[in-house]
């Protein structure tokens, strides 16, 4: 009888303990960070965008002082800014899933850029969304994600690795202004992969690795860029990274960059036109495959966002393209039209010149009709956020295209008090 009572007591205790653990994990497994300088209404809209109700996740704030802790010394004052508007949503996942990232309205960083820098910070498996209601640089998003991950898992990330991640983000972003965001992300990610995988710690070997990778991408670094990357990789080489634990993320980033460059008609390692065409058709096959398999893939919080809340002009990016909404019927029709035009163009370049001229005129008219509303929409949107350091250029600027180009220049990531553009975090 006593034995039965003891067993019953143990079962009750175990149930209570396990119940409390599950409850704590459920409450803290998903964490949202909101920019401290958002209004109450804007914060609620971000929660709506993430698809989060107040009791479904832990909600934290991130302010500019927290960003400065990791960015000061590696980023300029203009890049750091004075306010924080970027928000993040983090969901730890099972081992081996890697880091999947979705971004919205970030101009200076991309989803792949954030994913690879998070691996440097010590994250291994997580779904991450970094977004803003209006275009911002996104430099502060990394701080929010690291804070959210620590709260979600209850484990502190190594401070030195967090600083390295911030330094890597700035280094990649600066390089991206010269060679493009995708190439910059690919270069830094591939160099880091080789350094960690091969245990490279010698300065000369690191320099050789940098040269080999940059040759693959057909780019030439300045002496200053070379030194900046060498210093970063030397610091990374001294950390205790387990390549097998971050391999999935690093490979996914590399594949994503390759695909993006292929879509733009560029090819790594100068593989030639045949490989470029092959890659193009592979992407078509992957696109069709995605249509069939998208329902079988669980992207967690990445597929729960309400992108329509950000408006039609929002810049949505993801390391897994299935996290981006499927194209409309008009876009699908345009996709097949491009395929048909490509094929017919191979054989009919010398025919129907008059008809082509008329088509070109119609195309120009259609393009103009698309651009004008887009400009008006963006300018109106920015005017509503003129107090933000991420705000767009004034109406004196020539066009939306010029506005977008300025986001790639570090001197334009300036403090809002100077009435300039795209400096936020």
Protein backbone atom coordinates (compact mmCIF):
# COMPACT_ATOMS: atom_id res chain seq x y z
CA UNK A 1 0.00 0.00 0.00
CA UNK A 2 2.81 2.36 0.93
CA UNK A 3 4.57 1.40 -2.28
CA UNK A 4 1.49 2.32 -4.34
CA UNK A 5 1.23 5.65 -2.54
CA UNK A 6 4.86 6.42 -3.30
CA UNK A 7 4.41 5.56 -6.96
CA UNK A 8 1.30 7.72 -7.15
CA UNK A 9 3.16 10.60 -5.53
CA UNK A 10 6.04 10.28 -7.97
CA UNK A 11 3.66 10.25 -10.94
CA UNK A 12 1.85 13.35 -9.68
CA UNK A 13 5.13 15.18 -9.08
CA UNK A 14 6.49 14.20 -12.47
CA UNK A 15 3.28 15.32 -14.14
CA UNK A 16 3.43 18.67 -12.40
CA UNK A 17 7.10 19.17 -13.27
CA UNK A 18 6.68 18.17 -16.90
CA UNK A 19 3.54 20.24 -17.17
CA UNK A 20 5.31 23.31 -15.90
CA UNK A 21 8.24 22.74 -18.26
CA UNK A 22 5.97 22.37 -21.27
CA UNK A 23 4.04 25.46 -20.28
CA UNK A 24 7.20 27.51 -19.90
CA UNK A 25 8.55 26.29 -23.23
CA UNK A 26 5.29 27.01 -25.04
CA UNK A 27 5.26 30.55 -23.68
CA UNK A 28 8.86 31.35 -24.49
CA UNK A 29 9.55 29.29 -27.63
CA UNK A 30 8.40 32.15 -29.86
CA UNK A 31 9.63 35.67 -29.20
CA UNK A 32 8.84 38.97 -30.91
CA UNK A 33 11.01 42.07 -30.64
CA UNK A 34 9.54 45.46 -31.51
CA UNK A 35 11.45 48.63 -32.28
CA UNK A 36 11.25 50.93 -29.28
CA UNK A 37 10.55 54.00 -31.41
CA UNK A 38 7.39 52.63 -32.99
CA UNK A 39 4.06 54.03 -31.85
CA UNK A 40 1.58 51.77 -30.04
CA UNK A 41 -0.48 51.56 -33.20
CA UNK A 42 2.58 50.61 -35.28
CA UNK A 43 3.59 47.94 -32.76
CA UNK A 44 0.15 46.38 -32.96
CA UNK A 45 0.31 46.43 -36.75
CA UNK A 46 3.64 44.58 -36.63
CA UNK A 47 2.09 41.93 -34.38
CA UNK A 48 -0.71 41.62 -36.91
CA UNK A 49 1.88 41.27 -39.69
CA UNK A 50 3.66 38.47 -37.79
CA UNK A 51 0.28 36.83 -37.14
CA UNK A 52 0.86 36.94 -33.40
CA UNK A 53 -1.68 37.55 -30.66
CA UNK A 54 -0.47 39.01 -27.40
CA UNK A 55 -0.60 35.70 -25.52
CA UNK A 56 1.06 33.58 -28.20
CA UNK A 57 4.62 34.85 -27.84
CA UNK A 58 6.89 36.76 -25.53
CA UNK A 59 7.06 40.39 -26.68
CA UNK A 60 10.20 42.45 -26.06
CA UNK A 61 11.44 45.88 -27.11
CA UNK A 62 14.80 46.69 -28.70
CA UNK A 63 16.21 50.20 -28.46
CA UNK A 64 19.07 52.05 -30.09
CA UNK A 65 21.35 51.67 -27.07
CA UNK A 66 21.18 47.88 -27.40
CA UNK A 67 22.12 48.16 -31.07
CA UNK A 68 25.06 50.39 -30.26
CA UNK A 69 26.44 47.76 -27.90
CA UNK A 70 27.34 45.57 -30.88
CA UNK A 71 27.55 48.02 -33.77
CA UNK A 72 29.59 50.81 -32.21
CA UNK A 73 33.16 50.62 -33.41
CA UNK A 74 32.33 48.58 -36.52
CA UNK A 75 29.55 50.72 -38.02
CA UNK A 76 29.42 54.44 -38.67
CA UNK A 77 27.10 56.74 -36.74
CA UNK A 78 25.07 57.13 -39.89
CA UNK A 79 24.63 53.35 -40.15
CA UNK A 80 23.68 52.96 -36.49
CA UNK A 81 21.22 55.86 -36.48
CA UNK A 82 19.44 57.16 -33.40
CA UNK A 83 16.15 55.23 -33.43
CA UNK A 84 15.02 51.64 -33.78
CA UNK A 85 12.10 50.58 -35.95
CA UNK A 86 13.09 47.07 -37.13
CA UNK A 87 11.12 44.20 -35.61
CA UNK A 88 11.83 40.48 -35.46
CA UNK A 89 10.05 37.22 -34.78
CA UNK A 90 12.08 34.15 -33.79
CA UNK A 91 11.10 30.51 -33.50
CA UNK A 92 13.76 27.93 -32.50
CA UNK A 93 13.46 24.72 -34.56
CA UNK A 94 14.71 21.16 -34.35
CA UNK A 95 18.36 20.32 -34.91
CA UNK A 96 19.46 20.13 -38.51
CA UNK A 97 16.89 22.56 -39.90
CA UNK A 98 19.36 25.42 -40.16
CA UNK A 99 18.44 29.10 -40.13
CA UNK A 100 15.60 30.21 -42.39
CA UNK A 101 15.03 33.94 -42.72
CA UNK A 102 12.33 36.11 -44.21
CA UNK A 103 12.67 39.89 -44.47
CA UNK A 104 10.31 42.71 -45.36
CA UNK A 105 11.14 46.34 -46.15
CA UNK A 106 14.87 46.01 -45.43
CA UNK A 107 17.04 47.92 -47.89
CA UNK A 108 20.64 47.47 -46.75
CA UNK A 109 20.57 43.81 -45.69
CA UNK A 110 19.03 40.70 -47.23
CA UNK A 111 17.59 37.48 -45.81
CA UNK A 112 20.72 35.53 -46.78
CA UNK A 113 22.95 38.19 -45.24
CA UNK A 114 21.10 37.90 -41.93
CA UNK A 115 21.10 34.09 -42.04
CA UNK A 116 24.86 33.72 -42.46
CA UNK A 117 25.66 36.37 -39.83
CA UNK A 118 23.33 34.65 -37.37
CA UNK A 119 25.40 31.48 -37.78
CA UNK A 120 28.41 33.56 -36.78
CA UNK A 121 26.50 34.75 -33.71
CA UNK A 122 26.09 31.14 -32.62
CA UNK A 123 22.55 30.37 -33.78
CA UNK A 124 22.11 26.96 -35.36
CA UNK A 125 18.43 26.18 -35.98
CA UNK A 126 15.68 28.77 -36.11
CA UNK A 127 13.00 30.40 -38.25
CA UNK A 128 13.43 34.17 -38.29
CA UNK A 129 11.40 37.07 -39.65
CA UNK A 130 12.85 40.60 -39.67
CA UNK A 131 10.55 43.33 -40.89
CA UNK A 132 9.50 46.95 -40.78
CA UNK A 133 6.30 48.80 -41.66
CA UNK A 134 8.32 51.07 -43.98
CA UNK A 135 11.72 50.81 -45.71
CA UNK A 136 14.64 50.79 -43.28
CA UNK A 137 18.29 49.79 -43.57
CA UNK A 138 17.84 46.77 -41.28
CA UNK A 139 21.16 47.03 -39.43
CA UNK A 140 19.34 46.85 -36.10
CA UNK A 141 17.42 43.71 -37.03
CA UNK A 142 20.34 41.47 -36.10
CA UNK A 143 20.37 42.77 -32.52
CA UNK A 144 16.66 42.06 -32.17
CA UNK A 145 17.01 38.50 -33.46
CA UNK A 146 19.89 37.70 -31.10
CA UNK A 147 17.94 39.08 -28.15
CA UNK A 148 14.83 37.14 -29.14
CA UNK A 149 16.75 33.88 -29.61
CA UNK A 150 18.35 34.15 -26.18
CA UNK A 151 14.96 34.73 -24.58
CA UNK A 152 13.33 31.92 -26.54
CA UNK A 153 15.95 29.31 -25.69
CA UNK A 154 17.00 30.57 -22.27
CA UNK A 155 20.62 30.35 -23.37
CA UNK A 156 23.01 33.27 -23.69
CA UNK A 157 24.95 33.58 -26.92
CA UNK A 158 28.68 34.21 -26.68
CA UNK A 159 29.27 37.98 -26.53
CA UNK A 160 32.34 37.84 -28.76
CA UNK A 161 30.45 35.91 -31.41
CA UNK A 162 27.62 38.43 -31.30
CA UNK A 163 30.11 41.23 -31.87
CA UNK A 164 31.64 39.28 -34.77
CA UNK A 165 28.20 38.78 -36.30
CA UNK A 166 27.59 42.53 -36.19
CA UNK A 167 31.01 43.20 -37.71
CA UNK A 168 30.33 40.67 -40.45
CA UNK A 169 26.96 42.29 -41.23
CA UNK A 170 28.56 45.72 -41.64
CA UNK A 171 31.48 44.30 -43.67
CA UNK A 172 29.08 42.48 -46.01
CA UNK A 173 26.80 45.50 -46.32
CA UNK A 174 29.71 47.81 -47.16
CA UNK A 175 31.02 45.38 -49.76
CA UNK A 176 27.52 45.03 -51.19
CA UNK A 177 27.49 48.71 -52.06
CA UNK A 178 30.36 48.09 -54.49
CA UNK A 179 29.65 44.64 -55.93
CA UNK A 180 25.98 44.01 -55.13
CA UNK A 181 24.30 42.45 -52.11
CA UNK A 182 24.14 38.89 -53.44
CA UNK A 183 27.77 38.75 -54.53
CA UNK A 184 28.92 40.31 -51.26
CA UNK A 185 26.90 37.79 -49.25
CA UNK A 186 28.23 34.90 -51.33
CA UNK A 187 31.85 36.05 -51.03
CA UNK A 188 31.78 36.47 -47.25
CA UNK A 189 29.72 33.32 -46.67
CA UNK A 190 31.96 31.15 -48.87
CA UNK A 191 35.19 32.48 -47.35
CA UNK A 192 33.82 31.91 -43.85
CA UNK A 193 32.71 28.41 -44.80
CA UNK A 194 36.20 27.47 -45.97
CA UNK A 195 37.87 29.03 -42.93
CA UNK A 196 35.64 27.16 -40.47
CA UNK A 197 35.47 23.89 -42.42
CA UNK A 198 39.23 23.66 -42.94
CA UNK A 199 40.24 25.12 -39.61
CA UNK A 200 42.22 27.84 -41.38
CA UNK A 201 43.89 30.23 -38.95
CA UNK A 202 47.08 31.29 -40.74
CA UNK A 203 46.94 34.82 -42.16
CA UNK A 204 48.57 33.78 -45.45
CA UNK A 205 46.16 30.88 -45.89
CA UNK A 206 43.21 33.14 -45.13
CA UNK A 207 44.46 35.60 -47.76
CA UNK A 208 44.74 32.75 -50.28
CA UNK A 209 41.20 31.63 -49.46
CA UNK A 210 39.92 35.17 -50.01
CA UNK A 211 41.69 35.38 -53.38
CA UNK A 212 40.31 32.02 -54.51
CA UNK A 213 36.73 32.90 -53.59
CA UNK A 214 36.83 36.38 -55.11
CA UNK A 215 38.22 34.87 -58.32
CA UNK A 216 35.22 32.53 -58.40
CA UNK A 217 32.95 35.55 -58.29
CA UNK A 218 35.10 37.42 -60.81
CA UNK A 219 35.62 40.45 -58.55
CA UNK A 220 38.67 42.38 -57.40
CA UNK A 221 38.87 43.76 -53.88
CA UNK A 222 40.54 46.98 -52.91
CA UNK A 223 43.45 46.76 -50.47
CA UNK A 224 41.18 48.14 -47.75
CA UNK A 225 38.44 45.57 -48.44
CA UNK A 226 40.99 42.76 -48.49
CA UNK A 227 42.36 43.83 -45.09
CA UNK A 228 38.89 44.24 -43.60
CA UNK A 229 37.87 40.72 -44.62
CA UNK A 230 41.19 39.23 -43.53
CA UNK A 231 40.81 40.75 -40.06
CA UNK A 232 37.24 39.49 -39.76
CA UNK A 233 38.11 35.96 -40.84
CA UNK A 234 41.11 35.83 -38.52
CA UNK A 235 38.79 36.60 -35.60
CA UNK A 236 36.28 34.00 -36.77
CA UNK A 237 39.04 31.38 -37.09
CA UNK A 238 39.80 31.76 -33.39
CA UNK A 239 36.27 30.81 -32.34
CA UNK A 240 35.06 27.28 -31.58
CA UNK A 241 32.53 26.86 -34.38
CA UNK A 242 31.28 23.34 -35.11
CA UNK A 243 31.04 23.22 -38.90
CA UNK A 244 28.60 20.31 -38.89
CA UNK A 245 26.13 22.31 -36.79
CA UNK A 246 26.07 25.35 -39.07
CA UNK A 247 26.71 23.53 -42.35
CA UNK A 248 23.03 23.52 -43.33
CA UNK A 249 22.75 27.29 -42.98
CA UNK A 250 26.00 28.05 -44.82
CA UNK A 251 25.12 25.74 -47.71
CA UNK A 252 21.59 27.13 -47.96
CA UNK A 253 22.94 30.67 -48.15
CA UNK A 254 25.43 29.68 -50.84
CA UNK A 255 22.72 27.95 -52.90
CA UNK A 256 20.37 30.90 -52.51
CA UNK A 257 23.04 33.36 -53.66
CA UNK A 258 23.90 31.14 -56.66
CA UNK A 259 20.24 31.02 -57.64
CA UNK A 260 19.77 34.77 -57.31
CA UNK A 261 22.83 35.46 -59.45
CA UNK A 262 21.70 32.89 -62.01
CA UNK A 263 18.30 34.58 -62.20
CA UNK A 264 20.13 37.81 -63.02
CA UNK A 265 22.09 36.09 -65.78
CA UNK A 266 25.34 35.88 -63.84
CA UNK A 267 27.35 32.74 -63.24
CA UNK A 268 29.86 31.97 -60.53
CA UNK A 269 33.19 30.45 -61.62
CA UNK A 270 32.59 31.72 -65.16
CA UNK A 271 30.96 28.43 -66.14
CA UNK A 272 29.88 29.75 -69.53
CA UNK A 273 26.61 30.23 -71.36
CA UNK A 274 25.67 26.55 -71.44
CA UNK A 275 25.79 26.30 -67.66
CA UNK A 276 23.89 29.58 -67.39
CA UNK A 277 21.11 28.22 -69.64
CA UNK A 278 21.14 24.97 -67.70
CA UNK A 279 20.79 26.85 -64.44
CA UNK A 280 17.95 28.88 -65.88
CA UNK A 281 15.99 25.77 -66.85
CA UNK A 282 16.81 24.21 -63.49
CA UNK A 283 15.23 27.21 -61.82
CA UNK A 284 12.12 26.69 -63.95
CA UNK A 285 11.95 23.08 -62.77
CA UNK A 286 12.46 24.15 -59.16
CA UNK A 287 9.68 26.68 -59.57
CA UNK A 288 7.23 24.02 -60.77
CA UNK A 289 8.42 21.67 -58.05
CA UNK A 290 7.74 24.37 -55.50
CA UNK A 291 4.16 24.70 -56.72
CA UNK A 292 3.59 21.03 -56.00
CA UNK A 293 5.58 20.61 -52.79
CA UNK A 294 4.95 23.93 -51.04
CA UNK A 295 2.06 22.50 -49.07
CA UNK A 296 4.25 19.68 -47.75
CA UNK A 297 6.91 21.95 -46.32
CA UNK A 298 6.56 23.47 -42.86
CA UNK A 299 8.17 26.89 -42.77
CA UNK A 300 6.66 27.74 -39.41
CA UNK A 301 6.35 31.44 -38.71
CA UNK A 302 7.77 32.36 -42.13
CA UNK A 303 4.52 31.40 -43.86
CA UNK A 304 2.22 33.01 -41.31
CA UNK A 305 3.06 36.63 -42.09
CA UNK A 306 0.40 38.91 -43.54
CA UNK A 307 2.42 40.57 -46.30
CA UNK A 308 -0.60 42.49 -47.60
CA UNK A 309 -0.47 44.71 -44.49
CA UNK A 310 2.77 46.24 -45.80
CA UNK A 311 1.28 47.30 -49.13
CA UNK A 312 2.02 46.32 -52.71
CA UNK A 313 5.42 48.06 -52.81
CA UNK A 314 6.93 46.16 -49.88
CA UNK A 315 10.27 44.44 -50.60
CA UNK A 316 9.84 40.81 -49.48
CA UNK A 317 12.84 38.47 -49.44
CA UNK A 318 13.48 34.99 -48.02
CA UNK A 319 16.20 32.37 -47.93
CA UNK A 320 13.51 29.85 -48.89
CA UNK A 321 11.45 31.21 -51.77
CA UNK A 322 8.49 29.12 -50.67
CA UNK A 323 8.09 31.59 -47.82
CA UNK A 324 7.22 34.24 -50.40
CA UNK A 325 3.66 34.18 -51.63
CA UNK A 326 3.06 32.33 -54.88
CA UNK A 327 2.77 34.52 -58.01
CA UNK A 328 -0.58 35.72 -59.28
CA UNK A 329 -2.10 34.39 -62.51
CA UNK A 330 -0.88 37.51 -64.34
CA UNK A 331 2.67 36.89 -63.13
CA UNK A 332 2.49 33.24 -64.21
CA UNK A 333 1.31 34.33 -67.66
CA UNK A 334 4.18 36.80 -67.87
CA UNK A 335 6.62 34.09 -66.82
CA UNK A 336 5.58 31.81 -69.69
CA UNK A 337 5.62 34.76 -72.08
CA UNK A 338 9.28 35.33 -71.21
CA UNK A 339 10.07 31.67 -71.95
CA UNK A 340 8.30 31.84 -75.31
CA UNK A 341 9.96 35.13 -76.26
CA UNK A 342 13.36 33.71 -75.35
CA UNK A 343 12.88 30.69 -77.62
CA UNK A 344 11.40 32.60 -80.53
CA UNK A 345 14.11 35.24 -80.20
CA UNK A 346 16.77 32.62 -80.95
CA UNK A 347 15.37 32.09 -84.44
CA UNK A 348 13.50 35.24 -85.37
CA UNK A 349 15.92 38.05 -84.54
CA UNK A 350 15.91 39.31 -88.12
CA UNK A 351 12.17 39.11 -88.74
CA UNK A 352 9.22 41.39 -88.06
CA UNK A 353 11.31 44.50 -87.36
CA UNK A 354 8.33 46.76 -87.87
CA UNK A 355 6.17 44.72 -85.54
CA UNK A 356 8.90 44.61 -82.91
CA UNK A 357 9.21 48.38 -83.10
CA UNK A 358 5.49 48.74 -82.45
CA UNK A 359 5.70 46.27 -79.57
CA UNK A 360 8.58 48.22 -78.08
CA UNK A 361 6.51 51.41 -78.20
CA UNK A 362 3.63 49.67 -76.46
CA UNK A 363 6.05 48.22 -73.90
CA UNK A 364 7.43 51.67 -73.12
CA UNK A 365 3.94 53.02 -72.62
CA UNK A 366 3.04 50.14 -70.32
CA UNK A 367 6.23 50.59 -68.29
CA UNK A 368 5.52 54.27 -67.81
CA UNK A 369 2.02 53.46 -66.61
CA UNK A 370 3.47 51.11 -64.01
CA UNK A 371 6.20 53.40 -62.74
CA UNK A 372 4.16 56.51 -62.10
CA UNK A 373 1.70 55.01 -59.58
CA UNK A 374 4.59 53.19 -57.88
CA UNK A 375 6.47 56.46 -57.38
CA UNK A 376 3.39 58.18 -56.02
CA UNK A 377 2.69 55.34 -53.65
CA UNK A 378 6.21 55.20 -52.28
CA UNK A 379 6.51 58.95 -51.85
CA UNK A 380 3.20 59.12 -50.01
CA UNK A 381 4.27 56.22 -47.82
CA UNK A 382 7.56 57.85 -46.89
CA UNK A 383 5.93 61.18 -46.14
CA UNK A 384 3.82 59.48 -43.51
CA UNK A 385 7.03 58.42 -41.77
CA UNK A 386 9.08 61.58 -42.18
CA UNK A 387 10.14 61.56 -38.54
CA UNK A 388 12.02 58.27 -38.98
CA UNK A 389 15.70 58.16 -39.67
CA UNK A 390 14.89 55.54 -42.29
CA UNK A 391 12.65 57.90 -44.17
CA UNK A 392 12.97 58.27 -47.91
CA UNK A 393 14.57 61.17 -49.74
CA UNK A 394 12.65 64.42 -50.07
CA UNK A 395 10.48 65.22 -53.08
CA UNK A 396 13.41 67.16 -54.55
CA UNK A 397 14.98 63.84 -55.53
CA UNK A 398 14.45 62.88 -59.15
CA UNK A 399 12.62 59.56 -58.90
CA UNK A 400 11.92 56.43 -56.94
CA UNK A 401 14.67 54.67 -58.83
CA UNK A 402 17.17 57.26 -57.58
CA UNK A 403 15.80 56.83 -54.08
CA UNK A 404 16.33 53.11 -54.25
CA UNK A 405 19.88 53.52 -55.53
CA UNK A 406 20.82 55.74 -52.62
CA UNK A 407 20.13 52.91 -50.20
CA UNK A 408 23.22 51.21 -51.55
CA UNK A 409 25.49 54.12 -50.58
CA UNK A 410 26.70 54.24 -47.01
CA UNK A 411 26.79 58.03 -46.95
CA UNK A 412 23.04 57.99 -47.43
CA UNK A 413 22.35 55.91 -44.33
CA UNK A 414 22.19 59.06 -42.28
CA UNK A 415 20.62 60.47 -39.19
CA UNK A 416 17.06 61.74 -39.68
CA UNK A 417 18.03 64.99 -38.00
CA UNK A 418 20.11 65.68 -41.12
CA UNK A 419 17.00 65.21 -43.26
CA UNK A 420 18.55 62.38 -45.27
CA UNK A 421 17.57 58.88 -46.18
CA UNK A 422 17.40 55.19 -45.36
CA UNK A 423 19.30 55.15 -42.14
CA UNK A 424 17.26 53.14 -39.90
CA UNK A 425 17.60 49.92 -38.16
